[in-house]
Amino acid sequence: MNFKIEILKRKLNHLIESGQAVIVTSKSSGVGETQSVYIDYVGDRWAKGHTIVYSKDGSASNIPYTINYPSVIAKDSSSAKVQLTFPDSIL
């Protein structure tokens, strides 16, 4: 398996253990979107997490979010559709 994927999986698993979120910047709709994602599951090809969205009345909803590893580790950073920014404590 690709060593970049193994490093990414290790970092994502550390997020689960620490309860911290990763900042996900996505260009899937042509416009950059940034979300804070809490990781719930790390698989061989993708990870599943959730974002927390607050409504006007103050209630919170968990919205599912999937991270596909090839979208993160694309060779050319300009072609990467997803960029992850980890907390400083995640090496």
N, C-alpha and C. Protein backbone atom coordinates (compact mmCIF):
# COMPACT_ATOMS: atom_id res chain seq x y z
N MET A 1 0.84 -1.19 0.00
CA MET A 1 0.00 0.00 0.00
C MET A 1 0.88 1.24 0.00
N ASN A 2 0.39 2.28 -0.56
CA ASN A 2 1.10 3.54 -0.68
C ASN A 2 1.47 4.08 0.71
N PHE A 3 2.75 4.44 0.90
CA PHE A 3 3.19 4.93 2.21
C PHE A 3 2.52 6.25 2.57
N LYS A 4 2.13 7.07 1.59
CA LYS A 4 1.43 8.32 1.87
C LYS A 4 0.07 8.04 2.50
N ILE A 5 -0.58 6.99 2.01
CA ILE A 5 -1.88 6.62 2.58
C ILE A 5 -1.71 6.13 4.01
N GLU A 6 -0.66 5.35 4.26
CA GLU A 6 -0.41 4.85 5.61
C GLU A 6 -0.15 6.00 6.58
N ILE A 7 0.60 7.01 6.17
CA ILE A 7 0.87 8.18 7.01
C ILE A 7 -0.44 8.93 7.27
N LEU A 8 -1.24 9.11 6.23
CA LEU A 8 -2.52 9.80 6.36
C LEU A 8 -3.44 9.04 7.32
N LYS A 9 -3.51 7.72 7.19
CA LYS A 9 -4.35 6.92 8.07
C LYS A 9 -3.89 7.04 9.53
N ARG A 10 -2.57 7.05 9.75
CA ARG A 10 -2.04 7.19 11.11
C ARG A 10 -2.47 8.53 11.71
N LYS A 11 -2.38 9.60 10.92
CA LYS A 11 -2.78 10.91 11.41
C LYS A 11 -4.27 10.96 11.71
N LEU A 12 -5.08 10.36 10.84
CA LEU A 12 -6.52 10.37 11.05
C LEU A 12 -6.90 9.55 12.29
N ASN A 13 -6.23 8.42 12.50
CA ASN A 13 -6.49 7.62 13.71
C ASN A 13 -6.11 8.39 14.97
N HIS A 14 -5.04 9.18 14.90
CA HIS A 14 -4.65 10.00 16.05
C HIS A 14 -5.73 11.04 16.36
N LEU A 15 -6.38 11.55 15.33
CA LEU A 15 -7.47 12.50 15.55
C LEU A 15 -8.62 11.85 16.31
N ILE A 16 -8.94 10.60 15.97
CA ILE A 16 -10.00 9.89 16.68
C ILE A 16 -9.62 9.76 18.15
N GLU A 17 -8.39 9.35 18.41
CA GLU A 17 -7.92 9.15 19.79
C GLU A 17 -7.93 10.45 20.59
N SER A 18 -7.57 11.55 19.95
CA SER A 18 -7.45 12.83 20.67
C SER A 18 -8.74 13.63 20.69
N GLY A 19 -9.71 13.28 19.83
CA GLY A 19 -10.97 14.02 19.77
C GLY A 19 -10.86 15.34 19.05
N GLN A 20 -9.75 15.56 18.35
CA GLN A 20 -9.55 16.82 17.62
C GLN A 20 -10.13 16.71 16.21
N ALA A 21 -10.35 17.85 15.61
CA ALA A 21 -10.88 17.91 14.25
C ALA A 21 -9.76 18.25 13.27
N VAL A 22 -9.98 17.92 12.01
CA VAL A 22 -9.09 18.30 10.92
C VAL A 22 -9.82 19.36 10.09
N ILE A 23 -9.08 20.32 9.57
CA ILE A 23 -9.67 21.33 8.69
C ILE A 23 -9.60 20.79 7.27
N VAL A 24 -10.75 20.69 6.61
CA VAL A 24 -10.83 20.15 5.26
C VAL A 24 -11.19 21.28 4.32
N THR A 25 -10.34 21.51 3.32
CA THR A 25 -10.61 22.48 2.27
C THR A 25 -10.88 21.71 1.00
N SER A 26 -12.07 21.88 0.46
CA SER A 26 -12.50 21.11 -0.71
C SER A 26 -12.77 22.05 -1.87
N LYS A 27 -12.39 21.60 -3.07
CA LYS A 27 -12.64 22.38 -4.28
C LYS A 27 -13.59 21.63 -5.20
N SER A 28 -14.41 20.74 -4.64
CA SER A 28 -15.25 19.87 -5.47
C SER A 28 -16.31 20.63 -6.24
N SER A 29 -16.79 21.76 -5.74
CA SER A 29 -17.83 22.51 -6.45
C SER A 29 -17.25 23.67 -7.26
N GLY A 30 -15.93 23.73 -7.37
CA GLY A 30 -15.29 24.82 -8.11
C GLY A 30 -14.98 26.01 -7.22
N VAL A 31 -15.60 26.06 -6.06
CA VAL A 31 -15.35 27.13 -5.10
C VAL A 31 -14.81 26.48 -3.84
N GLY A 32 -13.77 27.06 -3.26
CA GLY A 32 -13.19 26.49 -2.06
C GLY A 32 -14.14 26.54 -0.87
N GLU A 33 -14.31 25.40 -0.22
CA GLU A 33 -15.14 25.31 0.98
C GLU A 33 -14.27 24.77 2.10
N THR A 34 -14.39 25.33 3.28
CA THR A 34 -13.60 24.88 4.42
C THR A 34 -14.52 24.44 5.53
N GLN A 35 -14.22 23.25 6.08
CA GLN A 35 -15.04 22.70 7.15
C GLN A 35 -14.14 22.07 8.20
N SER A 36 -14.62 22.04 9.42
CA SER A 36 -13.95 21.35 10.50
C SER A 36 -14.62 19.97 10.62
N VAL A 37 -13.82 18.89 10.46
CA VAL A 37 -14.38 17.54 10.41
C VAL A 37 -13.80 16.70 11.54
N TYR A 38 -14.67 16.06 12.29
CA TYR A 38 -14.29 15.11 13.33
C TYR A 38 -14.33 13.71 12.71
N ILE A 39 -13.24 12.98 12.79
CA ILE A 39 -13.12 11.67 12.16
C ILE A 39 -13.73 10.60 13.07
N ASP A 40 -14.58 9.74 12.48
CA ASP A 40 -15.24 8.67 13.22
C ASP A 40 -14.71 7.28 12.84
N TYR A 41 -14.23 7.13 11.61
CA TYR A 41 -13.81 5.82 11.11
C TYR A 41 -12.70 6.02 10.09
N VAL A 42 -11.67 5.18 10.15
CA VAL A 42 -10.57 5.20 9.18
C VAL A 42 -10.52 3.84 8.51
N GLY A 43 -10.77 3.80 7.21
CA GLY A 43 -10.73 2.55 6.45
C GLY A 43 -9.49 2.47 5.58
N ASP A 44 -9.44 1.46 4.72
CA ASP A 44 -8.29 1.28 3.84
C ASP A 44 -8.25 2.29 2.71
N ARG A 45 -9.41 2.76 2.23
CA ARG A 45 -9.45 3.66 1.07
C ARG A 45 -10.10 5.01 1.34
N TRP A 46 -10.79 5.11 2.47
CA TRP A 46 -11.49 6.35 2.79
C TRP A 46 -11.72 6.44 4.30
N ALA A 47 -12.01 7.65 4.76
CA ALA A 47 -12.33 7.89 6.16
C ALA A 47 -13.69 8.56 6.23
N LYS A 48 -14.41 8.29 7.32
CA LYS A 48 -15.73 8.88 7.52
C LYS A 48 -15.69 9.74 8.77
N GLY A 49 -16.29 10.89 8.68
CA GLY A 49 -16.36 11.77 9.83
C GLY A 49 -17.65 12.55 9.80
N HIS A 50 -17.68 13.62 10.58
CA HIS A 50 -18.86 14.48 10.59
C HIS A 50 -18.46 15.92 10.91
N THR A 51 -19.28 16.81 10.41
CA THR A 51 -19.17 18.22 10.77
C THR A 51 -20.36 18.55 11.66
N ILE A 52 -20.22 19.59 12.44
CA ILE A 52 -21.31 20.02 13.30
C ILE A 52 -21.86 21.32 12.74
N VAL A 53 -23.16 21.32 12.45
CA VAL A 53 -23.83 22.50 11.90
C VAL A 53 -24.85 22.99 12.93
N TYR A 54 -24.81 24.27 13.20
CA TYR A 54 -25.73 24.86 14.17
C TYR A 54 -26.82 25.63 13.45
N SER A 55 -28.06 25.42 13.86
CA SER A 55 -29.18 26.13 13.25
C SER A 55 -29.45 27.43 14.00
N LYS A 56 -30.36 28.22 13.49
CA LYS A 56 -30.67 29.51 14.10
C LYS A 56 -31.17 29.38 15.54
N ASP A 57 -31.85 28.28 15.82
CA ASP A 57 -32.38 28.10 17.18
C ASP A 57 -31.33 27.56 18.15
N GLY A 58 -30.09 27.35 17.67
CA GLY A 58 -29.00 26.90 18.53
C GLY A 58 -28.82 25.40 18.59
N SER A 59 -29.70 24.66 17.94
CA SER A 59 -29.56 23.20 17.95
C SER A 59 -28.43 22.79 16.99
N ALA A 60 -27.79 21.67 17.33
CA ALA A 60 -26.66 21.19 16.53
C ALA A 60 -27.04 19.91 15.80
N SER A 61 -26.54 19.76 14.58
CA SER A 61 -26.75 18.54 13.79
C SER A 61 -25.39 18.04 13.30
N ASN A 62 -25.21 16.73 13.33
CA ASN A 62 -24.00 16.11 12.77
C ASN A 62 -24.26 15.78 11.31
N ILE A 63 -23.44 16.31 10.43
CA ILE A 63 -23.56 16.07 8.99
C ILE A 63 -22.42 15.16 8.57
N PRO A 64 -22.72 14.00 7.95
CA PRO A 64 -21.66 13.07 7.55
C PRO A 64 -20.71 13.69 6.52
N TYR A 65 -19.45 13.27 6.58
CA TYR A 65 -18.43 13.74 5.64
C TYR A 65 -17.49 12.58 5.34
N THR A 66 -17.21 12.34 4.07
CA THR A 66 -16.31 11.26 3.66
C THR A 66 -15.07 11.85 3.02
N ILE A 67 -13.90 11.33 3.41
CA ILE A 67 -12.62 11.75 2.83
C ILE A 67 -12.07 10.58 2.03
N ASN A 68 -11.92 10.77 0.72
CA ASN A 68 -11.37 9.76 -0.17
C ASN A 68 -9.86 10.02 -0.27
N TYR A 69 -9.03 9.05 0.13
CA TYR A 69 -7.59 9.27 0.21
C TYR A 69 -6.94 9.74 -1.10
N PRO A 70 -7.28 9.16 -2.27
CA PRO A 70 -6.64 9.66 -3.50
C PRO A 70 -6.89 11.15 -3.76
N SER A 71 -8.01 11.67 -3.29
CA SER A 71 -8.28 13.10 -3.45
C SER A 71 -7.34 13.96 -2.62
N VAL A 72 -6.80 13.37 -1.55
CA VAL A 72 -5.90 14.10 -0.65
C VAL A 72 -4.45 14.00 -1.11
N ILE A 73 -4.05 12.82 -1.60
CA ILE A 73 -2.64 12.58 -1.89
C ILE A 73 -2.28 12.73 -3.36
N ALA A 74 -3.09 13.43 -4.13
CA ALA A 74 -2.79 13.63 -5.55
C ALA A 74 -1.37 14.18 -5.71
N LYS A 75 -0.67 13.72 -6.73
CA LYS A 75 0.75 14.10 -6.93
C LYS A 75 0.92 15.59 -7.13
N ASP A 76 0.06 16.20 -7.89
CA ASP A 76 0.15 17.63 -8.17
C ASP A 76 -0.83 18.35 -7.25
N SER A 77 -0.32 19.23 -6.39
CA SER A 77 -1.19 19.89 -5.41
C SER A 77 -2.29 20.71 -6.08
N SER A 78 -2.07 21.16 -7.31
CA SER A 78 -3.12 21.92 -7.99
C SER A 78 -4.27 21.02 -8.41
N SER A 79 -4.01 19.70 -8.53
CA SER A 79 -5.09 18.78 -8.90
C SER A 79 -5.75 18.16 -7.68
N ALA A 80 -5.19 18.38 -6.50
CA ALA A 80 -5.77 17.83 -5.28
C ALA A 80 -7.11 18.50 -5.02
N LYS A 81 -8.15 17.70 -4.90
CA LYS A 81 -9.47 18.26 -4.69
C LYS A 81 -9.74 18.53 -3.21
N VAL A 82 -8.97 17.88 -2.35
CA VAL A 82 -9.17 18.02 -0.91
C VAL A 82 -7.81 18.26 -0.25
N GLN A 83 -7.74 19.26 0.60
CA GLN A 83 -6.53 19.52 1.38
C GLN A 83 -6.89 19.44 2.85
N LEU A 84 -6.05 18.76 3.63
CA LEU A 84 -6.27 18.60 5.05
C LEU A 84 -5.25 19.41 5.83
N THR A 85 -5.71 20.11 6.86
CA THR A 85 -4.83 20.84 7.75
C THR A 85 -5.02 20.24 9.14
N PHE A 86 -3.96 19.60 9.63
CA PHE A 86 -4.02 18.92 10.93
C PHE A 86 -3.59 19.86 12.04
N PRO A 87 -4.08 19.62 13.26
CA PRO A 87 -3.61 20.40 14.41
C PRO A 87 -2.11 20.21 14.59
N ASP A 88 -1.44 21.17 15.21
CA ASP A 88 0.01 21.10 15.40
C ASP A 88 0.44 19.87 16.18
N SER A 89 -0.45 19.34 17.04
CA SER A 89 -0.07 18.18 17.86
C SER A 89 -0.03 16.88 17.06
N ILE A 90 -0.54 16.88 15.83
CA ILE A 90 -0.55 15.68 15.00
C ILE A 90 0.68 15.72 14.09
N LEU A 91 1.59 14.77 14.27
CA LEU A 91 2.83 14.76 13.47
C LEU A 91 2.75 13.80 12.32
